[in-house]
Amino acid sequence: MSPTEIAGVAIPDSALCIAATDYARRVSDPFLFNHVMRTYAFGVIAGRRRAAACDAELLYIGCLLHDLGLSETVPVTDRFEVDGADAAKAFLAAQGMDERRIDIVWDAIALHTTYAVPQRKQPEIALVQLGAAIDVGVAPLNLVSPALVEEIVDTWPRLGFK
């Protein structure tokens, strides 16, 4: 059973978020699934520090699906970020998400390995990038307190994730 809240971060539980969680868990290795969950928690916490207002559902879905391009289920035709964004778009369209919201998730996923561009776009896009960067160690961990980092990593361990 997944937690409903960790480190003061509520886990969205809309039908779409539950479907995205199930999909990400199904197609991702456990270490990668834990990474996308940590990305969400770190993104929310960093967003609070920045006083960034965002749509929690869009941020959650962007975080959960941001590494689909690294899964074995997504064909390699382009950069993994673009392949993953395309796979997420197809999944979300099949779930009935509207095109405007899909475009935000697409951008969040396609741009998550760059810094400057996402930081100039919608908060959901910026925070997917920042949450992932915090988890992989290319953004300062001091954006999240050591106690919260410990709680998040205890909940979703690294499992060999570098």
N, C-alpha and C. Protein backbone atom coordinates (compact mmCIF):
# COMPACT_ATOMS: atom_id res chain seq x y z
N MET A 1 0.85 -1.19 0.00
CA MET A 1 0.00 0.00 0.00
C MET A 1 0.88 1.25 0.00
N SER A 2 0.53 2.20 -0.82
CA SER A 2 1.28 3.43 -0.92
C SER A 2 0.85 4.40 0.16
N PRO A 3 1.79 5.22 0.63
CA PRO A 3 1.41 6.22 1.64
C PRO A 3 0.52 7.30 1.02
N THR A 4 -0.29 7.93 1.85
CA THR A 4 -1.13 9.03 1.38
C THR A 4 -0.44 10.37 1.60
N GLU A 5 0.56 10.36 2.47
CA GLU A 5 1.34 11.57 2.75
C GLU A 5 2.71 11.13 3.24
N ILE A 6 3.72 11.84 2.79
CA ILE A 6 5.08 11.57 3.27
C ILE A 6 5.81 12.90 3.38
N ALA A 7 6.49 13.10 4.46
CA ALA A 7 7.26 14.33 4.70
C ALA A 7 6.41 15.58 4.52
N GLY A 8 5.14 15.49 4.90
CA GLY A 8 4.24 16.62 4.76
C GLY A 8 3.73 16.85 3.35
N VAL A 9 4.01 15.91 2.45
CA VAL A 9 3.59 16.02 1.06
C VAL A 9 2.45 15.04 0.82
N ALA A 10 1.28 15.58 0.47
CA ALA A 10 0.13 14.72 0.18
C ALA A 10 0.30 14.09 -1.20
N ILE A 11 -0.02 12.81 -1.29
CA ILE A 11 0.04 12.09 -2.56
C ILE A 11 -1.34 12.21 -3.20
N PRO A 12 -1.43 12.85 -4.36
CA PRO A 12 -2.74 13.01 -5.01
C PRO A 12 -3.38 11.65 -5.30
N ASP A 13 -4.70 11.59 -5.11
CA ASP A 13 -5.38 10.30 -5.26
C ASP A 13 -6.58 10.36 -6.22
N SER A 14 -6.53 11.28 -7.17
CA SER A 14 -7.58 11.30 -8.19
C SER A 14 -7.47 10.01 -9.01
N ALA A 15 -8.52 9.70 -9.74
CA ALA A 15 -8.50 8.51 -10.58
C ALA A 15 -7.34 8.56 -11.57
N LEU A 16 -7.06 9.73 -12.13
CA LEU A 16 -5.96 9.88 -13.07
C LEU A 16 -4.61 9.66 -12.39
N CYS A 17 -4.45 10.17 -11.18
CA CYS A 17 -3.19 9.97 -10.45
C CYS A 17 -2.99 8.50 -10.08
N ILE A 18 -4.06 7.85 -9.70
CA ILE A 18 -3.97 6.42 -9.38
C ILE A 18 -3.59 5.63 -10.63
N ALA A 19 -4.19 5.97 -11.77
CA ALA A 19 -3.84 5.29 -13.02
C ALA A 19 -2.39 5.54 -13.40
N ALA A 20 -1.92 6.78 -13.23
CA ALA A 20 -0.52 7.10 -13.54
C ALA A 20 0.44 6.35 -12.61
N THR A 21 0.07 6.25 -11.34
CA THR A 21 0.90 5.51 -10.38
C THR A 21 0.98 4.04 -10.79
N ASP A 22 -0.16 3.45 -11.09
CA ASP A 22 -0.18 2.04 -11.51
C ASP A 22 0.65 1.83 -12.77
N TYR A 23 0.51 2.73 -13.73
CA TYR A 23 1.25 2.63 -14.98
C TYR A 23 2.75 2.75 -14.72
N ALA A 24 3.16 3.77 -13.97
CA ALA A 24 4.59 3.96 -13.69
C ALA A 24 5.16 2.77 -12.93
N ARG A 25 4.42 2.26 -11.98
CA ARG A 25 4.90 1.10 -11.20
C ARG A 25 5.03 -0.13 -12.11
N ARG A 26 4.08 -0.31 -13.03
CA ARG A 26 4.07 -1.47 -13.91
C ARG A 26 5.23 -1.46 -14.91
N VAL A 27 5.58 -0.28 -15.44
CA VAL A 27 6.60 -0.23 -16.49
C VAL A 27 8.00 0.10 -15.99
N SER A 28 8.13 0.49 -14.73
CA SER A 28 9.42 0.93 -14.19
C SER A 28 10.04 -0.12 -13.29
N ASP A 29 11.35 -0.23 -13.34
CA ASP A 29 12.06 -1.02 -12.35
C ASP A 29 11.82 -0.37 -10.98
N PRO A 30 11.86 -1.14 -9.90
CA PRO A 30 11.60 -0.56 -8.57
C PRO A 30 12.47 0.64 -8.23
N PHE A 31 13.76 0.62 -8.59
CA PHE A 31 14.62 1.76 -8.27
C PHE A 31 14.15 3.02 -9.02
N LEU A 32 13.65 2.84 -10.24
CA LEU A 32 13.20 3.97 -11.03
C LEU A 32 11.85 4.49 -10.53
N PHE A 33 10.97 3.57 -10.14
CA PHE A 33 9.69 4.00 -9.57
C PHE A 33 9.94 4.82 -8.30
N ASN A 34 10.83 4.35 -7.44
CA ASN A 34 11.13 5.11 -6.22
C ASN A 34 11.70 6.48 -6.55
N HIS A 35 12.53 6.57 -7.60
CA HIS A 35 13.09 7.86 -8.03
C HIS A 35 11.98 8.83 -8.44
N VAL A 36 11.00 8.36 -9.21
CA VAL A 36 9.95 9.29 -9.65
C VAL A 36 9.09 9.74 -8.47
N MET A 37 8.90 8.86 -7.50
CA MET A 37 8.15 9.26 -6.30
C MET A 37 8.95 10.28 -5.48
N ARG A 38 10.25 10.05 -5.34
CA ARG A 38 11.09 11.04 -4.62
C ARG A 38 11.09 12.36 -5.37
N THR A 39 11.12 12.30 -6.71
CA THR A 39 11.09 13.51 -7.52
C THR A 39 9.86 14.35 -7.17
N TYR A 40 8.72 13.70 -7.04
CA TYR A 40 7.50 14.43 -6.69
C TYR A 40 7.64 15.08 -5.31
N ALA A 41 8.06 14.31 -4.33
CA ALA A 41 8.17 14.86 -2.97
C ALA A 41 9.15 16.03 -2.94
N PHE A 42 10.31 15.86 -3.57
CA PHE A 42 11.30 16.95 -3.59
C PHE A 42 10.77 18.16 -4.38
N GLY A 43 10.05 17.90 -5.46
CA GLY A 43 9.48 19.00 -6.24
C GLY A 43 8.47 19.81 -5.45
N VAL A 44 7.61 19.13 -4.71
CA VAL A 44 6.61 19.83 -3.89
C VAL A 44 7.31 20.67 -2.83
N ILE A 45 8.27 20.09 -2.14
CA ILE A 45 8.95 20.82 -1.07
C ILE A 45 9.72 22.02 -1.63
N ALA A 46 10.41 21.83 -2.75
CA ALA A 46 11.12 22.95 -3.37
C ALA A 46 10.13 24.02 -3.83
N GLY A 47 8.98 23.60 -4.33
CA GLY A 47 7.95 24.55 -4.75
C GLY A 47 7.44 25.38 -3.59
N ARG A 48 7.29 24.76 -2.44
CA ARG A 48 6.86 25.50 -1.25
C ARG A 48 7.90 26.56 -0.88
N ARG A 49 9.17 26.20 -0.97
CA ARG A 49 10.23 27.17 -0.65
C ARG A 49 10.20 28.35 -1.60
N ARG A 50 9.79 28.09 -2.83
CA ARG A 50 9.71 29.15 -3.84
C ARG A 50 8.35 29.84 -3.84
N ALA A 51 7.43 29.38 -3.03
CA ALA A 51 6.05 29.87 -3.02
C ALA A 51 5.43 29.75 -4.41
N ALA A 52 5.71 28.64 -5.06
CA ALA A 52 5.19 28.40 -6.41
C ALA A 52 3.82 27.72 -6.32
N ALA A 53 2.82 28.39 -6.84
CA ALA A 53 1.48 27.79 -6.88
C ALA A 53 1.41 26.90 -8.11
N CYS A 54 0.99 25.66 -7.90
CA CYS A 54 0.89 24.77 -9.06
C CYS A 54 -0.25 23.78 -8.87
N ASP A 55 -0.58 23.12 -9.95
CA ASP A 55 -1.60 22.09 -9.97
C ASP A 55 -0.95 20.80 -9.48
N ALA A 56 -1.32 20.33 -8.31
CA ALA A 56 -0.69 19.15 -7.70
C ALA A 56 -0.85 17.91 -8.58
N GLU A 57 -2.00 17.79 -9.24
CA GLU A 57 -2.22 16.62 -10.10
C GLU A 57 -1.26 16.64 -11.29
N LEU A 58 -1.09 17.80 -11.93
CA LEU A 58 -0.17 17.89 -13.06
C LEU A 58 1.27 17.66 -12.63
N LEU A 59 1.65 18.22 -11.50
CA LEU A 59 3.01 18.01 -11.00
C LEU A 59 3.23 16.53 -10.70
N TYR A 60 2.29 15.91 -10.03
CA TYR A 60 2.41 14.50 -9.69
C TYR A 60 2.55 13.65 -10.95
N ILE A 61 1.67 13.85 -11.91
CA ILE A 61 1.70 13.05 -13.13
C ILE A 61 2.99 13.29 -13.91
N GLY A 62 3.42 14.54 -13.99
CA GLY A 62 4.69 14.84 -14.66
C GLY A 62 5.86 14.14 -14.00
N CYS A 63 5.88 14.16 -12.68
CA CYS A 63 6.96 13.48 -11.94
C CYS A 63 6.89 11.97 -12.14
N LEU A 64 5.69 11.42 -11.99
CA LEU A 64 5.54 9.96 -12.08
C LEU A 64 5.91 9.42 -13.44
N LEU A 65 5.68 10.20 -14.49
CA LEU A 65 5.90 9.71 -15.84
C LEU A 65 7.18 10.26 -16.48
N HIS A 66 7.96 11.05 -15.74
CA HIS A 66 9.09 11.74 -16.37
C HIS A 66 10.20 10.83 -16.89
N ASP A 67 10.29 9.61 -16.41
CA ASP A 67 11.34 8.71 -16.91
C ASP A 67 10.78 7.50 -17.67
N LEU A 68 9.60 7.65 -18.25
CA LEU A 68 9.04 6.56 -19.06
C LEU A 68 9.99 6.17 -20.19
N GLY A 69 10.73 7.13 -20.71
CA GLY A 69 11.66 6.86 -21.80
C GLY A 69 12.80 5.96 -21.42
N LEU A 70 12.97 5.69 -20.14
CA LEU A 70 14.00 4.75 -19.68
C LEU A 70 13.44 3.35 -19.47
N SER A 71 12.14 3.19 -19.62
CA SER A 71 11.54 1.88 -19.42
C SER A 71 11.67 1.06 -20.70
N GLU A 72 11.58 -0.24 -20.54
CA GLU A 72 11.70 -1.14 -21.69
C GLU A 72 10.45 -1.14 -22.55
N THR A 73 9.36 -0.55 -22.07
CA THR A 73 8.11 -0.56 -22.82
C THR A 73 8.01 0.56 -23.85
N VAL A 74 8.89 1.55 -23.75
CA VAL A 74 8.84 2.69 -24.67
C VAL A 74 9.89 2.49 -25.76
N PRO A 75 9.46 2.47 -27.02
CA PRO A 75 10.42 2.30 -28.12
C PRO A 75 11.40 3.47 -28.19
N VAL A 76 12.63 3.17 -28.51
CA VAL A 76 13.66 4.20 -28.63
C VAL A 76 13.65 4.73 -30.06
N THR A 77 13.22 5.98 -30.21
CA THR A 77 13.22 6.62 -31.52
C THR A 77 13.90 7.98 -31.48
N ASP A 78 14.09 8.51 -30.28
CA ASP A 78 14.61 9.86 -30.11
C ASP A 78 15.32 9.89 -28.75
N ARG A 79 15.56 11.07 -28.23
CA ARG A 79 16.08 11.19 -26.87
C ARG A 79 15.08 10.56 -25.91
N PHE A 80 15.57 9.97 -24.81
CA PHE A 80 14.65 9.29 -23.89
C PHE A 80 13.61 10.24 -23.33
N GLU A 81 13.97 11.53 -23.17
CA GLU A 81 13.02 12.50 -22.65
C GLU A 81 11.84 12.69 -23.61
N VAL A 82 12.13 12.78 -24.90
CA VAL A 82 11.08 12.98 -25.91
C VAL A 82 10.26 11.71 -26.08
N ASP A 83 10.93 10.56 -26.13
CA ASP A 83 10.20 9.29 -26.22
C ASP A 83 9.27 9.12 -25.02
N GLY A 84 9.78 9.45 -23.84
CA GLY A 84 8.96 9.35 -22.63
C GLY A 84 7.80 10.33 -22.64
N ALA A 85 8.04 11.55 -23.12
CA ALA A 85 6.97 12.55 -23.21
C ALA A 85 5.89 12.09 -24.18
N ASP A 86 6.31 11.49 -25.29
CA ASP A 86 5.34 10.98 -26.26
C ASP A 86 4.52 9.83 -25.66
N ALA A 87 5.19 8.94 -24.93
CA ALA A 87 4.49 7.81 -24.29
C ALA A 87 3.50 8.33 -23.25
N ALA A 88 3.92 9.32 -22.47
CA ALA A 88 3.02 9.91 -21.47
C ALA A 88 1.82 10.56 -22.15
N LYS A 89 2.06 11.26 -23.25
CA LYS A 89 0.97 11.91 -23.98
C LYS A 89 -0.06 10.87 -24.43
N ALA A 90 0.42 9.76 -24.99
CA ALA A 90 -0.50 8.71 -25.45
C ALA A 90 -1.28 8.12 -24.27
N PHE A 91 -0.59 7.88 -23.16
CA PHE A 91 -1.26 7.34 -21.97
C PHE A 91 -2.31 8.31 -21.46
N LEU A 92 -1.96 9.57 -21.33
CA LEU A 92 -2.87 10.56 -20.77
C LEU A 92 -4.06 10.83 -21.70
N ALA A 93 -3.83 10.82 -23.00
CA ALA A 93 -4.94 10.99 -23.95
C ALA A 93 -5.91 9.83 -23.81
N ALA A 94 -5.38 8.61 -23.66
CA ALA A 94 -6.25 7.44 -23.48
C ALA A 94 -7.04 7.52 -22.18
N GLN A 95 -6.51 8.25 -21.20
CA GLN A 95 -7.19 8.44 -19.92
C GLN A 95 -8.20 9.57 -19.97
N GLY A 96 -8.23 10.33 -21.08
CA GLY A 96 -9.19 11.41 -21.24
C GLY A 96 -8.72 12.78 -20.76
N MET A 97 -7.42 12.94 -20.51
CA MET A 97 -6.92 14.24 -20.08
C MET A 97 -7.00 15.22 -21.26
N ASP A 98 -7.33 16.48 -20.98
CA ASP A 98 -7.46 17.46 -22.05
C ASP A 98 -6.08 17.86 -22.57
N GLU A 99 -6.08 18.32 -23.82
CA GLU A 99 -4.84 18.60 -24.55
C GLU A 99 -3.98 19.66 -23.88
N ARG A 100 -4.58 20.69 -23.31
CA ARG A 100 -3.80 21.75 -22.65
C ARG A 100 -2.99 21.19 -21.49
N ARG A 101 -3.61 20.33 -20.70
CA ARG A 101 -2.91 19.74 -19.56
C ARG A 101 -1.87 18.72 -20.03
N ILE A 102 -2.20 17.98 -21.07
CA ILE A 102 -1.23 17.03 -21.63
C ILE A 102 0.01 17.79 -22.10
N ASP A 103 -0.17 18.94 -22.73
CA ASP A 103 0.97 19.72 -23.22
C ASP A 103 1.90 20.14 -22.08
N ILE A 104 1.34 20.48 -20.94
CA ILE A 104 2.16 20.86 -19.79
C ILE A 104 2.98 19.65 -19.32
N VAL A 105 2.35 18.50 -19.21
CA VAL A 105 3.07 17.29 -18.81
C VAL A 105 4.12 16.93 -19.85
N TRP A 106 3.78 17.04 -21.13
CA TRP A 106 4.74 16.73 -22.19
C TRP A 106 5.98 17.60 -22.03
N ASP A 107 5.79 18.91 -21.87
CA ASP A 107 6.93 19.81 -21.69
C ASP A 107 7.73 19.46 -20.44
N ALA A 108 7.04 19.16 -19.35
CA ALA A 108 7.74 18.82 -18.11
C ALA A 108 8.66 17.61 -18.31
N ILE A 109 8.17 16.62 -19.01
CA ILE A 109 8.95 15.40 -19.23
C ILE A 109 10.07 15.65 -20.25
N ALA A 110 9.75 16.27 -21.37
CA ALA A 110 10.74 16.48 -22.42
C ALA A 110 11.87 17.40 -21.97
N LEU A 111 11.59 18.31 -21.04
CA LEU A 111 12.59 19.29 -20.62
C LEU A 111 13.24 18.99 -19.27
N HIS A 112 12.93 17.85 -18.67
CA HIS A 112 13.36 17.65 -17.28
C HIS A 112 14.87 17.51 -17.07
N THR A 113 15.64 17.31 -18.13
CA THR A 113 17.09 17.19 -17.96
C THR A 113 17.83 18.49 -18.27
N THR A 114 17.09 19.55 -18.54
CA THR A 114 17.71 20.86 -18.74
C THR A 114 17.33 21.75 -17.55
N TYR A 115 18.04 22.86 -17.37
CA TYR A 115 17.71 23.71 -16.24
C TYR A 115 17.02 25.01 -16.67
N ALA A 116 17.64 25.77 -17.50
CA ALA A 116 17.16 27.13 -17.76
C ALA A 116 15.77 27.18 -18.35
N VAL A 117 15.47 26.34 -19.32
CA VAL A 117 14.17 26.42 -20.00
C VAL A 117 13.02 26.10 -19.05
N PRO A 118 13.04 24.95 -18.34
CA PRO A 118 11.91 24.65 -17.45
C PRO A 118 11.67 25.73 -16.39
N GLN A 119 12.72 26.38 -15.95
CA GLN A 119 12.56 27.39 -14.90
C GLN A 119 11.86 28.64 -15.40
N ARG A 120 11.68 28.77 -16.71
CA ARG A 120 10.97 29.91 -17.30
C ARG A 120 9.56 29.54 -17.74
N LYS A 121 9.16 28.32 -17.47
CA LYS A 121 7.84 27.85 -17.90
C LYS A 121 6.92 27.70 -16.69
N GLN A 122 5.78 27.05 -16.87
CA GLN A 122 4.82 26.88 -15.78
C GLN A 122 5.48 26.19 -14.59
N PRO A 123 4.97 26.47 -13.38
CA PRO A 123 5.57 25.89 -12.17
C PRO A 123 5.64 24.36 -12.21
N GLU A 124 4.65 23.71 -12.78
CA GLU A 124 4.67 22.24 -12.83
C GLU A 124 5.88 21.75 -13.62
N ILE A 125 6.19 22.43 -14.70
CA ILE A 125 7.33 22.06 -15.54
C ILE A 125 8.63 22.30 -14.78
N ALA A 126 8.74 23.47 -14.16
CA ALA A 126 9.95 23.81 -13.40
C ALA A 126 10.17 22.85 -12.24
N LEU A 127 9.09 22.47 -11.56
CA LEU A 127 9.25 21.65 -10.35
C LEU A 127 9.50 20.18 -10.67
N VAL A 128 9.05 19.68 -11.82
CA VAL A 128 9.45 18.32 -12.22
C VAL A 128 10.97 18.31 -12.40
N GLN A 129 11.48 19.30 -13.12
CA GLN A 129 12.93 19.37 -13.34
C GLN A 129 13.67 19.52 -12.02
N LEU A 130 13.22 20.40 -11.17
CA LEU A 130 13.92 20.65 -9.92
C LEU A 130 13.85 19.44 -8.99
N GLY A 131 12.69 18.79 -8.90
CA GLY A 131 12.58 17.60 -8.06
C GLY A 131 13.51 16.49 -8.51
N ALA A 132 13.57 16.27 -9.83
CA ALA A 132 14.47 15.24 -10.37
C ALA A 132 15.92 15.63 -10.12
N ALA A 133 16.24 16.90 -10.32
CA ALA A 133 17.62 17.36 -10.12
C ALA A 133 18.05 17.22 -8.66
N ILE A 134 17.15 17.49 -7.74
CA ILE A 134 17.48 17.30 -6.33
C ILE A 134 17.77 15.82 -6.07
N ASP A 135 16.94 14.94 -6.61
CA ASP A 135 17.12 13.52 -6.34
C ASP A 135 18.40 12.97 -6.95
N VAL A 136 18.80 13.45 -8.10
CA VAL A 136 20.03 12.92 -8.71
C VAL A 136 21.26 13.70 -8.29
N GLY A 137 21.09 14.73 -7.48
CA GLY A 137 22.23 15.42 -6.91
C GLY A 137 22.81 16.54 -7.74
N VAL A 138 22.07 17.03 -8.73
CA VAL A 138 22.59 18.16 -9.51
C VAL A 138 21.96 19.49 -9.10
N ALA A 139 21.03 19.44 -8.17
CA ALA A 139 20.48 20.66 -7.55
C ALA A 139 20.80 20.55 -6.07
N PRO A 140 20.99 21.66 -5.42
CA PRO A 140 21.38 21.61 -4.01
C PRO A 140 20.35 20.91 -3.13
N LEU A 141 20.83 19.94 -2.38
CA LEU A 141 19.95 19.24 -1.45
C LEU A 141 19.48 20.15 -0.32
N ASN A 142 20.15 21.29 -0.14
CA ASN A 142 19.74 22.19 0.95
C ASN A 142 18.39 22.83 0.68
N LEU A 143 17.81 22.56 -0.49
CA LEU A 143 16.43 23.00 -0.74
C LEU A 143 15.44 22.18 0.08
N VAL A 144 15.91 21.05 0.59
CA VAL A 144 15.07 20.15 1.39
C VAL A 144 15.85 19.83 2.67
N SER A 145 15.21 19.91 3.81
CA SER A 145 15.91 19.67 5.07
C SER A 145 16.40 18.22 5.15
N PRO A 146 17.52 17.99 5.85
CA PRO A 146 18.03 16.62 5.98
C PRO A 146 16.99 15.65 6.57
N ALA A 147 16.18 16.11 7.49
CA ALA A 147 15.17 15.23 8.09
C ALA A 147 14.14 14.80 7.05
N LEU A 148 13.72 15.73 6.18
CA LEU A 148 12.76 15.39 5.14
C LEU A 148 13.39 14.48 4.09
N VAL A 149 14.65 14.75 3.74
CA VAL A 149 15.35 13.87 2.80
C VAL A 149 15.38 12.45 3.35
N GLU A 150 15.71 12.31 4.62
CA GLU A 150 15.77 10.99 5.24
C GLU A 150 14.41 10.30 5.22
N GLU A 151 13.36 11.04 5.55
CA GLU A 151 12.02 10.45 5.54
C GLU A 151 11.61 10.01 4.14
N ILE A 152 11.90 10.83 3.15
CA ILE A 152 11.55 10.52 1.76
C ILE A 152 12.33 9.30 1.27
N VAL A 153 13.63 9.27 1.54
CA VAL A 153 14.46 8.14 1.08
C VAL A 153 14.12 6.87 1.86
N ASP A 154 13.74 6.99 3.12
CA ASP A 154 13.29 5.81 3.87
C ASP A 154 12.01 5.23 3.26
N THR A 155 11.13 6.10 2.79
CA THR A 155 9.87 5.65 2.19
C THR A 155 10.10 5.04 0.80
N TRP A 156 10.91 5.73 0.00
CA TRP A 156 11.22 5.27 -1.36
C TRP A 156 12.73 5.14 -1.49
N PRO A 157 13.28 4.02 -1.02
CA PRO A 157 14.74 3.84 -0.99
C PRO A 157 15.36 3.91 -2.39
N ARG A 158 16.63 4.21 -2.41
CA ARG A 158 17.36 4.36 -3.68
C ARG A 158 17.53 3.03 -4.41
N LEU A 159 17.63 1.92 -3.71
CA LEU A 159 17.74 0.60 -4.33
C LEU A 159 18.82 0.55 -5.40
N GLY A 160 19.95 1.14 -5.12
CA GLY A 160 21.06 1.14 -6.08
C GLY A 160 21.01 2.27 -7.10
N PHE A 161 19.99 3.11 -7.06
CA PHE A 161 19.88 4.26 -7.97
C PHE A 161 21.04 5.20 -7.69
N LYS A 162 21.74 5.57 -8.72
CA LYS A 162 22.89 6.47 -8.55
C LYS A 162 22.46 7.91 -8.67
